[in-house]
Protein backbone atom coordinates (compact mmCIF):
# COMPACT_ATOMS: atom_id res chain seq x y z
CA MET A 1 261.29 22.32 -56.80
CA TYR A 2 263.06 19.05 -56.10
CA GLN A 3 265.18 17.77 -58.92
CA THR A 4 265.84 14.38 -57.43
CA ILE A 5 263.20 12.32 -55.52
CA PHE A 6 264.26 9.32 -53.37
CA PHE A 7 261.49 6.82 -52.91
CA ASP A 8 261.35 4.06 -50.24
CA LEU A 9 259.94 0.94 -51.72
CA ASP A 10 257.91 -1.03 -49.12
CA GLY A 11 254.92 0.98 -47.92
CA THR A 12 255.59 3.84 -50.16
CA LEU A 13 255.62 2.49 -53.78
CA THR A 14 254.03 -1.01 -53.12
CA ALA A 15 251.92 -2.59 -50.36
CA SER A 16 254.23 -5.37 -49.50
CA GLY A 17 252.95 -6.21 -46.14
CA PRO A 18 251.44 -9.57 -46.89
CA GLY A 19 254.50 -11.06 -48.47
CA ILE A 20 256.92 -9.60 -45.78
CA ALA A 21 254.57 -10.77 -43.03
CA ARG A 22 254.42 -14.38 -44.34
CA SER A 23 258.09 -14.49 -44.85
CA VAL A 24 258.67 -13.35 -41.25
CA ALA A 25 256.02 -15.85 -39.97
CA TYR A 26 257.91 -18.55 -41.90
CA ALA A 27 261.24 -17.64 -40.27
CA LEU A 28 259.72 -17.50 -36.74
CA SER A 29 258.16 -20.90 -37.23
CA LYS A 30 261.74 -22.34 -37.21
CA TRP A 31 261.78 -21.42 -33.56
CA ASN A 32 258.18 -22.76 -33.04
CA ILE A 33 256.93 -19.21 -32.73
CA LYS A 34 253.35 -19.04 -34.05
CA VAL A 35 251.63 -15.83 -35.09
CA GLU A 36 247.91 -15.86 -35.41
CA ASP A 37 247.40 -12.56 -36.93
CA TYR A 38 249.91 -11.78 -39.68
CA SER A 39 249.03 -8.07 -39.53
CA GLU A 40 251.00 -7.90 -36.29
CA LEU A 41 254.13 -8.48 -38.36
CA TYR A 42 253.60 -5.44 -40.53
CA ALA A 43 255.88 -3.62 -38.09
CA PHE A 44 258.66 -5.47 -39.98
CA VAL A 45 258.00 -3.50 -43.12
CA GLY A 46 260.51 -0.78 -43.57
CA PRO A 47 263.23 -1.18 -41.00
CA PRO A 48 266.15 -3.68 -41.49
CA LEU A 49 265.13 -7.22 -40.67
CA ALA A 50 267.80 -7.77 -38.00
CA GLU A 51 266.66 -4.63 -36.09
CA SER A 52 262.98 -5.90 -36.02
CA PHE A 53 264.01 -9.40 -34.93
CA VAL A 54 265.83 -7.89 -32.01
CA LYS A 55 263.17 -5.35 -31.16
CA TYR A 56 260.13 -7.64 -31.21
CA TYR A 57 261.49 -11.06 -30.40
CA GLY A 58 264.77 -10.38 -28.52
CA PHE A 59 266.90 -12.38 -31.05
CA THR A 60 270.58 -12.82 -30.56
CA PRO A 61 272.91 -11.78 -33.47
CA GLU A 62 273.28 -15.45 -34.46
CA GLN A 63 269.43 -15.89 -34.42
CA CYS A 64 269.06 -12.72 -36.53
CA LYS A 65 271.44 -14.20 -39.03
CA LYS A 66 269.52 -17.45 -39.31
CA GLY A 67 266.17 -15.58 -39.21
CA ILE A 68 267.17 -13.54 -42.31
CA GLU A 69 268.27 -16.75 -44.04
CA TYR A 70 264.90 -18.41 -43.30
CA TYR A 71 263.01 -15.33 -44.28
CA ARG A 72 264.65 -15.19 -47.67
CA GLU A 73 263.81 -18.86 -48.30
CA TYR A 74 260.06 -17.93 -48.41
CA TYR A 75 260.55 -14.50 -49.66
CA VAL A 76 262.48 -15.39 -52.83
CA GLU A 77 260.04 -18.28 -53.61
CA LYS A 78 256.70 -16.54 -52.81
CA GLY A 79 256.80 -13.38 -50.69
CA MET A 80 258.45 -11.08 -53.06
CA PHE A 81 255.38 -10.90 -55.26
CA GLU A 82 252.67 -11.19 -52.66
CA ASN A 83 252.65 -7.46 -53.10
CA THR A 84 250.68 -4.79 -55.01
CA VAL A 85 251.42 -1.33 -56.30
CA TYR A 86 249.52 1.51 -54.60
CA PRO A 87 246.88 2.94 -56.90
CA GLY A 88 248.22 6.11 -58.61
CA ILE A 89 251.77 5.34 -58.08
CA GLY A 90 252.55 4.34 -61.70
CA GLU A 91 250.78 7.48 -62.92
CA LEU A 92 252.70 9.68 -60.38
CA ALA A 93 256.08 8.28 -61.47
CA ALA A 94 255.18 8.71 -65.14
CA CYS A 95 254.22 12.26 -64.53
CA LEU A 96 257.39 13.18 -62.47
CA LYS A 97 259.59 11.55 -65.06
CA ASP A 98 257.98 13.42 -67.88
CA ALA A 99 258.55 16.62 -66.00
CA GLY A 100 262.31 15.94 -65.97
CA ARG A 101 262.66 14.73 -62.45
CA LYS A 102 265.25 12.07 -61.48
CA LEU A 103 263.51 9.25 -59.55
CA VAL A 104 265.59 6.92 -57.45
CA VAL A 105 264.53 3.97 -55.19
CA ALA A 106 266.27 3.89 -51.79
CA THR A 107 265.29 0.86 -49.92
CA SER A 108 266.68 -1.40 -47.00
CA LYS A 109 265.58 -4.39 -49.04
CA PRO A 110 268.47 -6.15 -50.84
CA GLU A 111 268.99 -4.40 -54.18
CA GLN A 112 268.63 -7.47 -56.27
CA TYR A 113 265.16 -8.05 -54.92
CA ALA A 114 264.25 -4.43 -55.29
CA VAL A 115 265.24 -4.48 -58.95
CA GLN A 116 263.17 -7.69 -59.56
CA ILE A 117 260.08 -6.21 -57.84
CA MET A 118 260.40 -2.82 -59.73
CA GLU A 119 260.68 -4.66 -63.08
CA HIS A 120 257.82 -7.13 -62.17
CA PHE A 121 255.44 -4.27 -61.54
CA GLY A 122 256.50 -2.21 -64.53
CA LEU A 123 257.86 0.61 -62.41
CA ALA A 124 261.61 0.32 -63.22
CA GLN A 125 261.15 2.24 -66.51
CA TYR A 126 260.46 5.48 -64.58
CA PHE A 127 263.38 5.34 -62.26
CA ASP A 128 267.01 6.66 -62.83
CA ARG A 129 268.44 4.14 -60.37
CA ILE A 130 267.31 1.46 -57.89
CA ALA A 131 269.56 1.45 -54.83
CA GLY A 132 269.07 -1.15 -52.04
CA ALA A 133 270.91 -3.00 -49.25
CA SER A 134 273.81 -5.36 -49.84
CA MET A 135 273.05 -8.98 -49.37
CA ASP A 136 275.66 -9.26 -46.62
CA GLU A 137 273.83 -6.68 -44.56
CA ASN A 138 276.87 -4.30 -44.45
CA ARG A 139 274.69 -1.64 -46.24
CA VAL A 140 271.19 -1.96 -44.78
CA GLU A 141 270.39 1.24 -42.69
CA LYS A 142 268.43 3.68 -44.70
CA ALA A 143 271.14 6.47 -44.19
CA ASP A 144 273.76 4.13 -45.67
CA VAL A 145 271.57 3.27 -48.67
CA LEU A 146 270.74 6.84 -49.33
CA ARG A 147 274.42 7.82 -49.14
CA TYR A 148 275.26 5.01 -51.57
CA ALA A 149 272.54 6.15 -53.97
CA ILE A 150 273.52 9.77 -53.85
CA GLU A 151 277.21 9.06 -54.38
CA ALA A 152 276.50 6.49 -57.18
CA GLY A 153 274.20 8.86 -59.02
CA GLY A 154 276.09 12.11 -58.36
CA TYR A 155 272.90 13.71 -57.21
CA ASP A 156 272.71 17.15 -55.49
CA PRO A 157 271.30 16.62 -51.99
CA SER A 158 270.37 20.32 -51.81
CA ARG A 159 267.81 19.75 -54.57
CA ALA A 160 266.54 16.32 -53.49
CA VAL A 161 263.83 14.89 -51.15
CA MET A 162 263.17 11.53 -49.56
CA VAL A 163 259.67 10.02 -49.57
CA GLY A 164 258.80 7.34 -47.17
CA ASP A 165 256.37 5.68 -44.62
CA ARG A 166 258.54 4.97 -41.58
CA GLU A 167 260.64 6.82 -39.17
CA ASN A 168 263.90 5.15 -40.48
CA ASP A 169 263.23 6.93 -43.79
CA VAL A 170 263.00 10.30 -41.99
CA ARG A 171 266.11 9.63 -40.02
CA GLY A 172 268.05 8.41 -43.01
CA ALA A 173 267.18 11.39 -44.99
CA ARG A 174 268.14 13.85 -42.18
CA GLU A 175 271.58 12.14 -41.88
CA ASN A 176 272.11 12.88 -45.46
CA GLY A 177 270.90 16.56 -45.36
CA LEU A 178 267.54 15.78 -47.05
CA PRO A 179 263.97 16.72 -46.10
CA CYS A 180 261.53 13.88 -45.96
CA ILE A 181 257.88 13.65 -46.96
CA GLY A 182 256.12 11.12 -44.89
CA VAL A 183 253.23 9.15 -46.35
CA LEU A 184 250.39 7.82 -44.37
CA TYR A 185 248.99 5.16 -46.79
CA GLY A 186 251.85 2.83 -45.91
CA TYR A 187 252.74 1.19 -42.66
CA GLY A 188 253.79 4.01 -40.36
CA SER A 189 251.66 6.44 -38.35
CA ARG A 190 251.46 10.23 -38.35
CA GLU A 191 252.76 10.31 -34.85
CA GLU A 192 255.81 8.19 -35.87
CA LEU A 193 256.59 10.35 -38.84
CA VAL A 194 256.12 13.71 -37.06
CA LYS A 195 258.13 12.62 -34.14
CA ALA A 196 260.97 11.59 -36.43
CA GLY A 197 260.88 15.08 -38.01
CA ALA A 198 259.19 14.66 -41.38
CA ALA A 199 259.11 18.02 -43.25
CA GLN A 200 255.64 17.30 -44.75
CA ILE A 201 252.90 14.67 -44.37
CA ALA A 202 250.90 13.25 -47.31
CA ALA A 203 247.86 11.14 -46.41
CA THR A 204 247.31 9.90 -50.06
CA VAL A 205 249.15 9.53 -53.31
CA GLU A 206 247.27 12.60 -54.55
CA GLU A 207 248.53 14.61 -51.67
CA LEU A 208 252.05 13.36 -52.29
CA LYS A 209 251.84 14.53 -55.94
CA LYS A 210 250.88 18.00 -54.70
CA CYS A 211 253.76 18.12 -52.32
CA LEU A 212 256.22 17.12 -55.07
CA GLU A 213 254.90 19.68 -57.46
CA ARG A 214 255.59 22.59 -55.20
């Protein structure tokens, strides 16, 4: 039984696609790049922003830096809360906490934003720690965020698991010696998660609960 459970935030605890997509679209508009279907930008949910700007738009390092600044202009004003908690997540978190588990958020989103979101949606009360990226982007990869969370909380990796919806969650967990449960209700695909090496796959929050109770 896992004593500590690390949760990704975007696409795992909350359906944050709309706010993130609109923030990315706002940033891209600064280069006169227009996106007709915002769902195309859901690929930005999960991985570090700079990584996605390079992958999908070929941005230079300087463009990535400016893109992140523009993204945050919209995100802080509106995008952060254009977001909803997945049905059943609050109940799952309460159940796990009552069972004595340690719940920790490990997200590539800046930590101060993650804290605001978790508090806004009433989820922070169930979590032992909320760990995220640094604002200067020096700590942004999932492996680095997880390492930071593990060390800060003194958690035992041998009794821990990561839960996430994208391949970067699986890779980050593996780099820290943790198995990862991939969830399909977020923004990744079964193929992506299996290829990355997810230990288990949960299609729904209910299936995730069963995985975590074993």
